[in-house]
Amino acid sequence: MITAPASKKDELLKNGSFNHRANEVTKGIFKRYQFFDANDIMQVKYEMLRAVEYEDTDISSASESFGFSRVSYYQIKKEFDEKGIAGLIPKKRGPKGSRKVSQDDIDFAKSLVDTHSKAQIITRLKEERGVEISKRTLERQLSDKKNS
């Protein structure tokens, strides 16, 4: 298999599109041609969809030779059909927002900033809303640009 230059691999890792299962890609074009990079998850996904659509490769064979399961193929196809090439961009994993504090709680805390200390805000959140958070969590939520 032809490997990507270190700078490309670093960039793929940084932007979340590095294929950590590149060694499972067995499709010949990824072994023969430098243009095709098994480390680039978006390219691998696109080529898998293209193989099924235009080379009449069956889904089981395509998903296996590109290092995916059949279920993954259908998920990738759905995202591509709905969003185009942008649907192939890997999504960030993990929580997408605060798990301790709702937006209403943040708004409530922000309304108290000018008249209460952080300790008083934490006490009011606990007593009036049943929300227990640390001082640092409160600071992060109050300064979070997404919540402004």
Protein backbone atom coordinates (compact mmCIF):
# COMPACT_ATOMS: atom_id res chain seq x y z
CA MET A 1 0.00 0.00 0.00
CA ILE A 2 1.23 3.50 -0.80
CA THR A 3 1.31 5.63 2.32
CA ALA A 4 0.48 9.32 2.59
CA PRO A 5 3.24 11.86 3.25
CA ALA A 6 3.56 12.74 6.94
CA SER A 7 2.21 16.26 6.41
CA LYS A 8 -0.96 14.93 4.75
CA LYS A 9 -1.43 12.36 7.49
CA ASP A 10 -1.02 15.09 10.12
CA GLU A 11 -3.62 17.23 8.35
CA LEU A 12 -6.05 14.32 8.07
CA LEU A 13 -5.61 13.61 11.78
CA LYS A 14 -6.09 17.26 12.66
CA ASN A 15 -9.29 17.69 10.68
CA GLY A 16 -10.78 14.35 11.75
CA SER A 17 -10.75 12.66 8.33
CA PHE A 18 -7.93 10.18 8.93
CA ASN A 19 -9.04 6.60 8.27
CA HIS A 20 -7.83 4.62 11.29
CA ARG A 21 -8.76 1.43 9.45
CA ALA A 22 -6.77 2.17 6.29
CA ASN A 23 -5.12 -1.25 6.54
CA GLU A 24 -8.56 -2.85 6.03
CA VAL A 25 -8.97 -1.20 2.61
CA THR A 26 -8.16 -3.94 0.11
CA LYS A 27 -9.53 -2.37 -3.07
CA GLY A 28 -6.79 -2.56 -5.71
CA ILE A 29 -6.84 1.10 -6.77
CA PHE A 30 -5.72 2.09 -3.27
CA LYS A 31 -2.70 -0.18 -3.59
CA ARG A 32 -1.74 0.64 -7.20
CA TYR A 33 -2.20 4.39 -7.56
CA GLN A 34 -0.73 7.13 -5.41
CA PHE A 35 -3.76 9.36 -6.09
CA PHE A 36 -5.96 7.02 -4.05
CA ASP A 37 -5.15 7.32 -0.35
CA ALA A 38 -6.65 4.76 2.03
CA ASN A 39 -5.81 7.11 4.91
CA ASP A 40 -8.36 9.66 3.62
CA ILE A 41 -11.72 8.47 4.94
CA MET A 42 -13.72 10.79 2.69
CA GLN A 43 -12.01 9.47 -0.43
CA VAL A 44 -12.52 5.88 0.68
CA LYS A 45 -16.23 6.48 1.33
CA TYR A 46 -16.71 8.23 -2.01
CA GLU A 47 -14.90 5.51 -3.95
CA MET A 48 -17.01 2.85 -2.22
CA LEU A 49 -20.23 4.61 -3.24
CA ARG A 50 -18.90 5.09 -6.77
CA ALA A 51 -17.93 1.41 -7.06
CA VAL A 52 -21.45 0.31 -6.17
CA GLU A 53 -23.12 2.91 -8.40
CA TYR A 54 -20.92 2.84 -11.50
CA GLU A 55 -18.95 -0.40 -11.42
CA ASP A 56 -21.94 -2.56 -10.47
CA THR A 57 -20.07 -3.90 -7.45
CA ASP A 58 -22.45 -5.51 -4.97
CA ILE A 59 -22.77 -3.77 -1.62
CA SER A 60 -21.32 -6.63 0.43
CA SER A 61 -18.17 -6.85 -1.69
CA ALA A 62 -17.74 -3.08 -1.89
CA SER A 63 -18.18 -2.48 1.82
CA GLU A 64 -15.75 -5.27 2.66
CA SER A 65 -13.06 -4.18 0.19
CA PHE A 66 -13.27 -0.59 1.42
CA GLY A 67 -13.08 -1.58 5.10
CA PHE A 68 -16.70 -0.95 6.09
CA SER A 69 -19.69 -3.04 7.15
CA ARG A 70 -22.88 -3.26 5.09
CA VAL A 71 -24.64 -1.17 7.75
CA SER A 72 -21.96 1.50 7.43
CA TYR A 73 -22.41 1.51 3.66
CA TYR A 74 -26.11 2.31 4.01
CA GLN A 75 -25.41 5.05 6.58
CA ILE A 76 -22.75 6.60 4.33
CA LYS A 77 -25.08 6.38 1.29
CA LYS A 78 -27.90 8.05 3.21
CA GLU A 79 -25.66 10.92 4.34
CA PHE A 80 -24.31 11.36 0.80
CA ASP A 81 -27.82 11.36 -0.72
CA GLU A 82 -29.00 13.95 1.80
CA LYS A 83 -25.97 16.26 1.95
CA GLY A 84 -23.78 15.47 -1.05
CA ILE A 85 -20.04 15.33 -0.59
CA ALA A 86 -20.38 17.18 2.74
CA GLY A 87 -22.20 14.11 4.06
CA LEU A 88 -18.93 12.18 3.86
CA ILE A 89 -17.19 14.47 6.35
CA PRO A 90 -16.77 12.63 9.65
CA LYS A 91 -18.86 13.98 12.48
CA LYS A 92 -17.39 14.92 15.81
CA ARG A 93 -18.02 12.29 18.42
CA GLY A 94 -19.06 12.81 21.99
CA PRO A 95 -21.38 15.28 23.67
CA LYS A 96 -22.47 18.25 21.58
CA GLY A 97 -23.22 20.57 24.45
CA SER A 98 -23.44 20.96 28.17
CA ARG A 99 -24.86 17.96 29.95
CA LYS A 100 -25.18 19.62 33.34
CA VAL A 101 -26.82 22.89 32.51
CA SER A 102 -29.69 23.64 30.13
CA GLN A 103 -29.85 26.82 28.07
CA ASP A 104 -32.60 28.08 30.41
CA ASP A 105 -30.28 27.56 33.39
CA ILE A 106 -27.47 29.42 31.60
CA ASP A 107 -29.81 32.30 30.78
CA PHE A 108 -30.97 32.37 34.42
CA ALA A 109 -27.35 32.48 35.63
CA LYS A 110 -26.48 35.24 33.16
CA SER A 111 -29.38 37.31 34.42
CA LEU A 112 -27.83 37.21 37.91
CA VAL A 113 -24.22 38.03 36.93
CA ASP A 114 -24.48 41.78 37.59
CA THR A 115 -26.09 41.42 41.02
CA HIS A 116 -24.75 38.14 42.47
CA SER A 117 -21.40 36.51 43.13
CA LYS A 118 -20.61 33.19 41.49
CA ALA A 119 -21.15 31.42 44.81
CA GLN A 120 -24.61 33.04 45.12
CA ILE A 121 -25.49 32.06 41.54
CA ILE A 122 -24.45 28.45 42.24
CA THR A 123 -26.59 28.44 45.39
CA ARG A 124 -29.63 29.85 43.55
CA LEU A 125 -29.22 27.34 40.71
CA LYS A 126 -29.19 24.52 43.26
CA GLU A 127 -32.08 25.80 45.39
CA GLU A 128 -34.38 27.12 42.66
CA ARG A 129 -33.62 24.81 39.77
CA GLY A 130 -32.08 21.69 41.31
CA VAL A 131 -28.91 22.15 39.26
CA GLU A 132 -25.59 21.38 40.93
CA ILE A 133 -22.52 22.68 39.12
CA SER A 134 -19.00 23.65 40.09
CA LYS A 135 -17.66 27.18 40.06
CA ARG A 136 -15.46 26.31 37.06
CA THR A 137 -18.43 24.91 35.09
CA LEU A 138 -20.37 28.08 35.81
CA GLU A 139 -17.43 30.20 34.65
CA ARG A 140 -17.14 28.20 31.44
CA GLN A 141 -20.86 28.47 30.73
CA LEU A 142 -20.92 32.21 31.39
CA SER A 143 -17.94 32.85 29.15
CA ASP A 144 -18.86 30.35 26.43
CA LYS A 145 -19.16 32.26 23.15
CA LYS A 146 -21.72 29.73 21.84
CA ASN A 147 -24.08 30.71 24.65
CA SER A 148 -23.82 34.47 24.13
